[in-house]
Amino acid sequence: MGTLSPRIQKKRAVNLFVDSELLDEAKRLGINVSDTLERRLRGIVRAEQEKRWLEENRAAFTSINAFIDSHGLLSSRLRYRADNG
């Protein structure tokens, strides 16, 4: 899974088609469209990466959960019990 680090990224100019009234209103309100797009796109990309990672690893989660259901956790046998002295 690719990661997006918070370090300074190289920027690239792109052409986008945006509703002209929406863009005009954003500019009127002083909204930095580039920064806003970048923040939102970063969040969307991270969410999609997480979703795909969970899907790709679903079988492993199912397997370990079935193992724990059958055998329990090793740590449950090693719990500290204050009444033992």
PDB file of N, CA and C in Angstrom:
ATOM      1  N   MET A   1       0.850  -1.159   0.000  1.00  0.00           N
ATOM      2  CA  MET A   1       0.000   0.000   0.000  1.00  0.00           C
ATOM      3  C   MET A   1       0.900   1.226   0.000  1.00  0.00           C
ATOM      4  N   GLY A   2       0.652   2.146  -0.909  1.00  0.00           N
ATOM      5  CA  GLY A   2       1.418   3.384  -0.948  1.00  0.00           C
ATOM      6  C   GLY A   2       1.050   4.267   0.231  1.00  0.00           C
ATOM      7  N   THR A   3       1.992   5.086   0.626  1.00  0.00           N
ATOM      8  CA  THR A   3       1.723   5.999   1.727  1.00  0.00           C
ATOM      9  C   THR A   3       1.972   7.423   1.276  1.00  0.00           C
ATOM     10  N   LEU A   4       1.288   8.333   1.908  1.00  0.00           N
ATOM     11  CA  LEU A   4       1.468   9.741   1.638  1.00  0.00           C
ATOM     12  C   LEU A   4       2.063  10.371   2.885  1.00  0.00           C
ATOM     13  N   SER A   5       3.297  10.769   2.800  1.00  0.00           N
ATOM     14  CA  SER A   5       3.952  11.331   3.973  1.00  0.00           C
ATOM     15  C   SER A   5       3.621  12.817   4.087  1.00  0.00           C
ATOM     16  N   PRO A   6       3.719  13.348   5.308  1.00  0.00           N
ATOM     17  CA  PRO A   6       3.420  14.763   5.504  1.00  0.00           C
ATOM     18  C   PRO A   6       4.550  15.686   5.048  1.00  0.00           C
ATOM     19  N   ARG A   7       5.677  15.115   4.592  1.00  0.00           N
ATOM     20  CA  ARG A   7       6.793  15.941   4.160  1.00  0.00           C
ATOM     21  C   ARG A   7       6.415  16.740   2.914  1.00  0.00           C
ATOM     22  N   ILE A   8       7.251  17.689   2.574  1.00  0.00           N
ATOM     23  CA  ILE A   8       6.980  18.549   1.423  1.00  0.00           C
ATOM     24  C   ILE A   8       6.953  17.698   0.156  1.00  0.00           C
ATOM     25  N   GLN A   9       5.896  17.828  -0.596  1.00  0.00           N
ATOM     26  CA  GLN A   9       5.716  17.055  -1.817  1.00  0.00           C
ATOM     27  C   GLN A   9       6.034  17.928  -3.023  1.00  0.00           C
ATOM     28  N   LYS A  10       6.463  17.295  -4.110  1.00  0.00           N
ATOM     29  CA  LYS A  10       6.608  18.027  -5.355  1.00  0.00           C
ATOM     30  C   LYS A  10       5.210  18.373  -5.846  1.00  0.00           C
ATOM     31  N   LYS A  11       5.067  19.557  -6.349  1.00  0.00           N
ATOM     32  CA  LYS A  11       3.767  20.007  -6.860  1.00  0.00           C
ATOM     33  C   LYS A  11       3.779  19.922  -8.378  1.00  0.00           C
ATOM     34  N   ARG A  12       2.594  19.683  -8.934  1.00  0.00           N
ATOM     35  CA  ARG A  12       2.461  19.628 -10.385  1.00  0.00           C
ATOM     36  C   ARG A  12       1.218  20.411 -10.776  1.00  0.00           C
ATOM     37  N   ALA A  13       1.324  21.221 -11.792  1.00  0.00           N
ATOM     38  CA  ALA A  13       0.177  21.966 -12.303  1.00  0.00           C
ATOM     39  C   ALA A  13      -0.748  20.996 -13.041  1.00  0.00           C
ATOM     40  N   VAL A  14      -2.048  21.146 -12.811  1.00  0.00           N
ATOM     41  CA  VAL A  14      -3.038  20.309 -13.484  1.00  0.00           C
ATOM     42  C   VAL A  14      -4.174  21.181 -13.995  1.00  0.00           C
ATOM     43  N   ASN A  15      -4.865  20.679 -14.969  1.00  0.00           N
ATOM     44  CA  ASN A  15      -6.062  21.348 -15.470  1.00  0.00           C
ATOM     45  C   ASN A  15      -7.278  20.618 -14.930  1.00  0.00           C
ATOM     46  N   LEU A  16      -8.195  21.371 -14.343  1.00  0.00           N
ATOM     47  CA  LEU A  16      -9.418  20.793 -13.794  1.00  0.00           C
ATOM     48  C   LEU A  16     -10.616  21.541 -14.353  1.00  0.00           C
ATOM     49  N   PHE A  17     -11.718  20.848 -14.438  1.00  0.00           N
ATOM     50  CA  PHE A  17     -12.962  21.492 -14.802  1.00  0.00           C
ATOM     51  C   PHE A  17     -13.803  21.608 -13.545  1.00  0.00           C
ATOM     52  N   VAL A  18     -14.115  22.852 -13.172  1.00  0.00           N
ATOM     53  CA  VAL A  18     -14.856  23.128 -11.943  1.00  0.00           C
ATOM     54  C   VAL A  18     -15.997  24.076 -12.288  1.00  0.00           C
ATOM     55  N   ASP A  19     -17.125  23.857 -11.644  1.00  0.00           N
ATOM     56  CA  ASP A  19     -18.266  24.754 -11.808  1.00  0.00           C
ATOM     57  C   ASP A  19     -17.795  26.196 -11.596  1.00  0.00           C
ATOM     58  N   SER A  20     -18.001  27.046 -12.582  1.00  0.00           N
ATOM     59  CA  SER A  20     -17.459  28.406 -12.530  1.00  0.00           C
ATOM     60  C   SER A  20     -18.050  29.223 -11.385  1.00  0.00           C
ATOM     61  N   GLU A  21     -19.346  29.058 -11.098  1.00  0.00           N
ATOM     62  CA  GLU A  21     -19.953  29.794  -9.985  1.00  0.00           C
ATOM     63  C   GLU A  21     -19.362  29.350  -8.651  1.00  0.00           C
ATOM     64  N   LEU A  22     -19.141  28.052  -8.517  1.00  0.00           N
ATOM     65  CA  LEU A  22     -18.550  27.523  -7.290  1.00  0.00           C
ATOM     66  C   LEU A  22     -17.126  28.061  -7.106  1.00  0.00           C
ATOM     67  N   LEU A  23     -16.362  28.060  -8.160  1.00  0.00           N
ATOM     68  CA  LEU A  23     -14.991  28.566  -8.101  1.00  0.00           C
ATOM     69  C   LEU A  23     -14.974  30.054  -7.763  1.00  0.00           C
ATOM     70  N   ASP A  24     -15.866  30.831  -8.389  1.00  0.00           N
ATOM     71  CA  ASP A  24     -15.949  32.262  -8.099  1.00  0.00           C
ATOM     72  C   ASP A  24     -16.310  32.507  -6.635  1.00  0.00           C
ATOM     73  N   GLU A  25     -17.243  31.743  -6.109  1.00  0.00           N
ATOM     74  CA  GLU A  25     -17.655  31.912  -4.710  1.00  0.00           C
ATOM     75  C   GLU A  25     -16.523  31.523  -3.759  1.00  0.00           C
ATOM     76  N   ALA A  26     -15.815  30.470  -4.072  1.00  0.00           N
ATOM     77  CA  ALA A  26     -14.676  30.062  -3.247  1.00  0.00           C
ATOM     78  C   ALA A  26     -13.623  31.167  -3.224  1.00  0.00           C
ATOM     79  N   LYS A  27     -13.340  31.740  -4.371  1.00  0.00           N
ATOM     80  CA  LYS A  27     -12.364  32.830  -4.428  1.00  0.00           C
ATOM     81  C   LYS A  27     -12.864  34.038  -3.650  1.00  0.00           C
ATOM     82  N   ARG A  28     -14.145  34.353  -3.792  1.00  0.00           N
ATOM     83  CA  ARG A  28     -14.733  35.488  -3.077  1.00  0.00           C
ATOM     84  C   ARG A  28     -14.606  35.299  -1.567  1.00  0.00           C
ATOM     85  N   LEU A  29     -14.729  34.057  -1.102  1.00  0.00           N
ATOM     86  CA  LEU A  29     -14.643  33.746   0.323  1.00  0.00           C
ATOM     87  C   LEU A  29     -13.203  33.567   0.799  1.00  0.00           C
ATOM     88  N   GLY A  30     -12.259  33.675  -0.106  1.00  0.00           N
ATOM     89  CA  GLY A  30     -10.856  33.550   0.265  1.00  0.00           C
ATOM     90  C   GLY A  30     -10.404  32.119   0.497  1.00  0.00           C
ATOM     91  N   ILE A  31     -11.104  31.182  -0.097  1.00  0.00           N
ATOM     92  CA  ILE A  31     -10.738  29.771   0.050  1.00  0.00           C
ATOM     93  C   ILE A  31      -9.619  29.444  -0.929  1.00  0.00           C
ATOM     94  N   ASN A  32      -8.550  28.870  -0.423  1.00  0.00           N
ATOM     95  CA  ASN A  32      -7.440  28.453  -1.268  1.00  0.00           C
ATOM     96  C   ASN A  32      -7.841  27.115  -1.895  1.00  0.00           C
ATOM     97  N   VAL A  33      -8.225  27.154  -3.146  1.00  0.00           N
ATOM     98  CA  VAL A  33      -8.757  25.980  -3.834  1.00  0.00           C
ATOM     99  C   VAL A  33      -7.706  24.879  -3.936  1.00  0.00           C
ATOM    100  N   SER A  34      -6.469  25.233  -4.232  1.00  0.00           N
ATOM    101  CA  SER A  34      -5.417  24.223  -4.365  1.00  0.00           C
ATOM    102  C   SER A  34      -5.195  23.490  -3.049  1.00  0.00           C
ATOM    103  N   ASP A  35      -5.048  24.228  -1.956  1.00  0.00           N
ATOM    104  CA  ASP A  35      -4.829  23.594  -0.652  1.00  0.00           C
ATOM    105  C   ASP A  35      -6.028  22.760  -0.233  1.00  0.00           C
ATOM    106  N   THR A  36      -7.230  23.293  -0.482  1.00  0.00           N
ATOM    107  CA  THR A  36      -8.450  22.570  -0.116  1.00  0.00           C
ATOM    108  C   THR A  36      -8.552  21.259  -0.880  1.00  0.00           C
ATOM    109  N   LEU A  37      -8.303  21.319  -2.179  1.00  0.00           N
ATOM    110  CA  LEU A  37      -8.348  20.107  -2.999  1.00  0.00           C
ATOM    111  C   LEU A  37      -7.308  19.109  -2.518  1.00  0.00           C
ATOM    112  N   GLU A  38      -6.101  19.585  -2.253  1.00  0.00           N
ATOM    113  CA  GLU A  38      -5.039  18.682  -1.829  1.00  0.00           C
ATOM    114  C   GLU A  38      -5.374  17.994  -0.502  1.00  0.00           C
ATOM    115  N   ARG A  39      -5.873  18.757   0.466  1.00  0.00           N
ATOM    116  CA  ARG A  39      -6.239  18.160   1.767  1.00  0.00           C
ATOM    117  C   ARG A  39      -7.355  17.125   1.610  1.00  0.00           C
ATOM    118  N   ARG A  40      -8.396  17.487   0.874  1.00  0.00           N
ATOM    119  CA  ARG A  40      -9.517  16.567   0.686  1.00  0.00           C
ATOM    120  C   ARG A  40      -9.102  15.333  -0.113  1.00  0.00           C
ATOM    121  N   LEU A  41      -8.314  15.532  -1.160  1.00  0.00           N
ATOM    122  CA  LEU A  41      -7.870  14.413  -1.981  1.00  0.00           C
ATOM    123  C   LEU A  41      -6.978  13.481  -1.173  1.00  0.00           C
ATOM    124  N   ARG A  42      -6.111  14.053  -0.315  1.00  0.00           N
ATOM    125  CA  ARG A  42      -5.261  13.237   0.546  1.00  0.00           C
ATOM    126  C   ARG A  42      -6.126  12.370   1.466  1.00  0.00           C
ATOM    127  N   GLY A  43      -7.171  12.940   2.048  1.00  0.00           N
ATOM    128  CA  GLY A  43      -8.069  12.178   2.912  1.00  0.00           C
ATOM    129  C   GLY A  43      -8.805  11.075   2.163  1.00  0.00           C
ATOM    130  N   ILE A  44      -9.259  11.389   0.961  1.00  0.00           N
ATOM    131  CA  ILE A  44      -9.968  10.400   0.142  1.00  0.00           C
ATOM    132  C   ILE A  44      -9.031   9.265  -0.254  1.00  0.00           C
ATOM    133  N   VAL A  45      -7.803   9.600  -0.637  1.00  0.00           N
ATOM    134  CA  VAL A  45      -6.819   8.578  -1.016  1.00  0.00           C
ATOM    135  C   VAL A  45      -6.507   7.683   0.174  1.00  0.00           C
ATOM    136  N   ARG A  46      -6.292   8.272   1.345  1.00  0.00           N
ATOM    137  CA  ARG A  46      -6.002   7.462   2.538  1.00  0.00           C
ATOM    138  C   ARG A  46      -7.163   6.530   2.864  1.00  0.00           C
ATOM    139  N   ALA A  47      -8.389   7.035   2.779  1.00  0.00           N
ATOM    140  CA  ALA A  47      -9.558   6.202   3.061  1.00  0.00           C
ATOM    141  C   ALA A  47      -9.646   5.043   2.072  1.00  0.00           C
ATOM    142  N   GLU A  48      -9.377   5.314   0.810  1.00  0.00           N
ATOM    143  CA  GLU A  48      -9.421   4.254  -0.208  1.00  0.00           C
ATOM    144  C   GLU A  48      -8.303   3.241   0.020  1.00  0.00           C
ATOM    145  N   GLN A  49      -7.105   3.717   0.393  1.00  0.00           N
ATOM    146  CA  GLN A  49      -6.013   2.799   0.688  1.00  0.00           C
ATOM    147  C   GLN A  49      -6.372   1.900   1.873  1.00  0.00           C
ATOM    148  N   GLU A  50      -6.952   2.483   2.909  1.00  0.00           N
ATOM    149  CA  GLU A  50      -7.348   1.692   4.075  1.00  0.00           C
ATOM    150  C   GLU A  50      -8.404   0.667   3.703  1.00  0.00           C
ATOM    151  N   LYS A  51      -9.399   1.093   2.924  1.00  0.00           N
ATOM    152  CA  LYS A  51     -10.459   0.181   2.491  1.00  0.00           C
ATOM    153  C   LYS A  51      -9.874  -1.001   1.716  1.00  0.00           C
ATOM    154  N   ARG A  52      -8.984  -0.706   0.792  1.00  0.00           N
ATOM    155  CA  ARG A  52      -8.391  -1.777  -0.016  1.00  0.00           C
ATOM    156  C   ARG A  52      -7.506  -2.691   0.833  1.00  0.00           C
ATOM    157  N   TRP A  53      -6.753  -2.114   1.779  1.00  0.00           N
ATOM    158  CA  TRP A  53      -5.911  -2.927   2.653  1.00  0.00           C
ATOM    159  C   TRP A  53      -6.769  -3.876   3.475  1.00  0.00           C
ATOM    160  N   LEU A  54      -7.865  -3.369   4.008  1.00  0.00           N
ATOM    161  CA  LEU A  54      -8.761  -4.223   4.787  1.00  0.00           C
ATOM    162  C   LEU A  54      -9.348  -5.345   3.924  1.00  0.00           C
ATOM    163  N   GLU A  55      -9.726  -5.022   2.688  1.00  0.00           N
ATOM    164  CA  GLU A  55     -10.257  -6.040   1.778  1.00  0.00           C
ATOM    165  C   GLU A  55      -9.192  -7.085   1.452  1.00  0.00           C
ATOM    166  N   GLU A  56      -7.968  -6.632   1.177  1.00  0.00           N
ATOM    167  CA  GLU A  56      -6.877  -7.543   0.827  1.00  0.00           C
ATOM    168  C   GLU A  56      -6.496  -8.458   1.988  1.00  0.00           C
ATOM    169  N   ASN A  57      -6.724  -8.012   3.205  1.00  0.00           N
ATOM    170  CA  ASN A  57      -6.319  -8.773   4.383  1.00  0.00           C
ATOM    171  C   ASN A  57      -7.486  -9.412   5.130  1.00  0.00           C
ATOM    172  N   ARG A  58      -8.665  -9.364   4.540  1.00  0.00           N
ATOM    173  CA  ARG A  58      -9.863  -9.923   5.175  1.00  0.00           C
ATOM    174  C   ARG A  58      -9.697 -11.407   5.521  1.00  0.00           C
ATOM    175  N   ALA A  59      -9.102 -12.171   4.629  1.00  0.00           N
ATOM    176  CA  ALA A  59      -8.919 -13.610   4.875  1.00  0.00           C
ATOM    177  C   ALA A  59      -8.031 -13.840   6.092  1.00  0.00           C
ATOM    178  N   ALA A  60      -7.000 -13.026   6.247  1.00  0.00           N
ATOM    179  CA  ALA A  60      -6.106 -13.165   7.397  1.00  0.00           C
ATOM    180  C   ALA A  60      -6.848 -12.844   8.694  1.00  0.00           C
ATOM    181  N   PHE A  61      -7.662 -11.787   8.670  1.00  0.00           N
ATOM    182  CA  PHE A  61      -8.449 -11.446   9.859  1.00  0.00           C
ATOM    183  C   PHE A  61      -9.410 -12.572  10.220  1.00  0.00           C
ATOM    184  N   THR A  62     -10.060 -13.124   9.213  1.00  0.00           N
ATOM    185  CA  THR A  62     -11.003 -14.222   9.438  1.00  0.00           C
ATOM    186  C   THR A  62     -10.277 -15.423  10.017  1.00  0.00           C
ATOM    187  N   SER A  63      -9.103 -15.729   9.486  1.00  0.00           N
ATOM    188  CA  SER A  63      -8.322 -16.871   9.937  1.00  0.00           C
ATOM    189  C   SER A  63      -7.874 -16.711  11.390  1.00  0.00           C
ATOM    190  N   ILE A  64      -7.319 -15.556  11.726  1.00  0.00           N
ATOM    191  CA  ILE A  64      -6.834 -15.379  13.101  1.00  0.00           C
ATOM    192  C   ILE A  64      -7.992 -15.338  14.081  1.00  0.00           C
ATOM    193  N   ASN A  65      -9.112 -14.761  13.676  1.00  0.00           N
ATOM    194  CA  ASN A  65     -10.281 -14.747  14.561  1.00  0.00           C
ATOM    195  C   ASN A  65     -10.810 -16.156  14.802  1.00  0.00           C
ATOM    196  N   ALA A  66     -10.813 -16.992  13.764  1.00  0.00           N
ATOM    197  CA  ALA A  66     -11.250 -18.384  13.923  1.00  0.00           C
ATOM    198  C   ALA A  66     -10.287 -19.137  14.839  1.00  0.00           C
ATOM    199  N   PHE A  67      -8.993 -18.896  14.693  1.00  0.00           N
ATOM    200  CA  PHE A  67      -7.999 -19.545  15.557  1.00  0.00           C
ATOM    201  C   PHE A  67      -8.223 -19.143  17.014  1.00  0.00           C
ATOM    202  N   ILE A  68      -8.420 -17.850  17.254  1.00  0.00           N
ATOM    203  CA  ILE A  68      -8.644 -17.370  18.622  1.00  0.00           C
ATOM    204  C   ILE A  68      -9.936 -17.943  19.191  1.00  0.00           C
ATOM    205  N   ASP A  69     -10.986 -18.027  18.366  1.00  0.00           N
ATOM    206  CA  ASP A  69     -12.248 -18.621  18.820  1.00  0.00           C
ATOM    207  C   ASP A  69     -12.048 -20.072  19.235  1.00  0.00           C
ATOM    208  N   SER A  70     -11.213 -20.795  18.498  1.00  0.00           N
ATOM    209  CA  SER A  70     -10.987 -22.213  18.791  1.00  0.00           C
ATOM    210  C   SER A  70     -10.017 -22.442  19.943  1.00  0.00           C
ATOM    211  N   HIS A  71      -8.964 -21.643  20.013  1.00  0.00           N
ATOM    212  CA  HIS A  71      -7.881 -21.909  20.946  1.00  0.00           C
ATOM    213  C   HIS A  71      -7.725 -20.864  22.050  1.00  0.00           C
ATOM    214  N   GLY A  72      -8.405 -19.759  21.931  1.00  0.00           N
ATOM    215  CA  GLY A  72      -8.251 -18.686  22.902  1.00  0.00           C
ATOM    216  C   GLY A  72      -6.940 -17.952  22.702  1.00  0.00           C
ATOM    217  N   LEU A  73      -6.689 -17.011  23.582  1.00  0.00           N
ATOM    218  CA  LEU A  73      -5.446 -16.242  23.523  1.00  0.00           C
ATOM    219  C   LEU A  73      -4.455 -16.794  24.535  1.00  0.00           C
ATOM    220  N   LEU A  74      -3.215 -16.899  24.134  1.00  0.00           N
ATOM    221  CA  LEU A  74      -2.176 -17.348  25.044  1.00  0.00           C
ATOM    222  C   LEU A  74      -2.135 -16.449  26.274  1.00  0.00           C
ATOM    223  N   SER A  75      -2.284 -15.184  26.077  1.00  0.00           N
ATOM    224  CA  SER A  75      -2.189 -14.236  27.190  1.00  0.00           C
ATOM    225  C   SER A  75      -3.291 -14.440  28.227  1.00  0.00           C
ATOM    226  N   SER A  76      -4.421 -15.019  27.841  1.00  0.00           N
ATOM    227  CA  SER A  76      -5.491 -15.225  28.812  1.00  0.00           C
ATOM    228  C   SER A  76      -5.091 -16.257  29.868  1.00  0.00           C
ATOM    229  N   ARG A  77      -4.159 -17.143  29.531  1.00  0.00           N
ATOM    230  CA  ARG A  77      -3.658 -18.127  30.496  1.00  0.00           C
ATOM    231  C   ARG A  77      -2.547 -17.560  31.372  1.00  0.00           C
ATOM    232  N   LEU A  78      -2.022 -16.416  30.975  1.00  0.00           N
ATOM    233  CA  LEU A  78      -0.890 -15.831  31.694  1.00  0.00           C
ATOM    234  C   LEU A  78      -1.292 -14.598  32.506  1.00  0.00           C
ATOM    235  N   ARG A  79      -2.563 -14.365  32.669  1.00  0.00           N
ATOM    236  CA  ARG A  79      -3.027 -13.182  33.404  1.00  0.00           C
ATOM    237  C   ARG A  79      -2.544 -13.179  34.846  1.00  0.00           C
ATOM    238  N   TYR A  80      -2.211 -12.020  35.309  1.00  0.00           N
ATOM    239  CA  TYR A  80      -1.835 -11.835  36.708  1.00  0.00           C
ATOM    240  C   TYR A  80      -3.097 -11.881  37.565  1.00  0.00           C
ATOM    241  N   ARG A  81      -3.060 -12.651  38.595  1.00  0.00           N
ATOM    242  CA  ARG A  81      -4.198 -12.727  39.501  1.00  0.00           C
ATOM    243  C   ARG A  81      -3.714 -12.327  40.895  1.00  0.00           C
ATOM    244  N   ALA A  82      -4.218 -11.254  41.421  1.00  0.00           N
ATOM    245  CA  ALA A  82      -3.776 -10.718  42.706  1.00  0.00           C
ATOM    246  C   ALA A  82      -4.024 -11.688  43.848  1.00  0.00           C
ATOM    247  N   ASP A  83      -5.038 -12.549  43.739  1.00  0.00           N
ATOM    248  CA  ASP A  83      -5.363 -13.462  44.829  1.00  0.00           C
ATOM    249  C   ASP A  83      -4.376 -14.631  44.946  1.00  0.00           C
ATOM    250  N   ASN A  84      -3.425 -14.762  43.992  1.00  0.00           N
ATOM    251  CA  ASN A  84      -2.425 -15.845  44.068  1.00  0.00           C
ATOM    252  C   ASN A  84      -1.226 -15.489  44.925  1.00  0.00           C
ATOM    253  N   GLY A  85      -1.216 -14.332  45.495  1.00  0.00           N
ATOM    254  CA  GLY A  85      -0.143 -13.985  46.402  1.00  0.00           C
ATOM    255  C   GLY A  85       0.725 -12.984  45.825  1.00  0.00           C
TER     256      GLY A  85
END
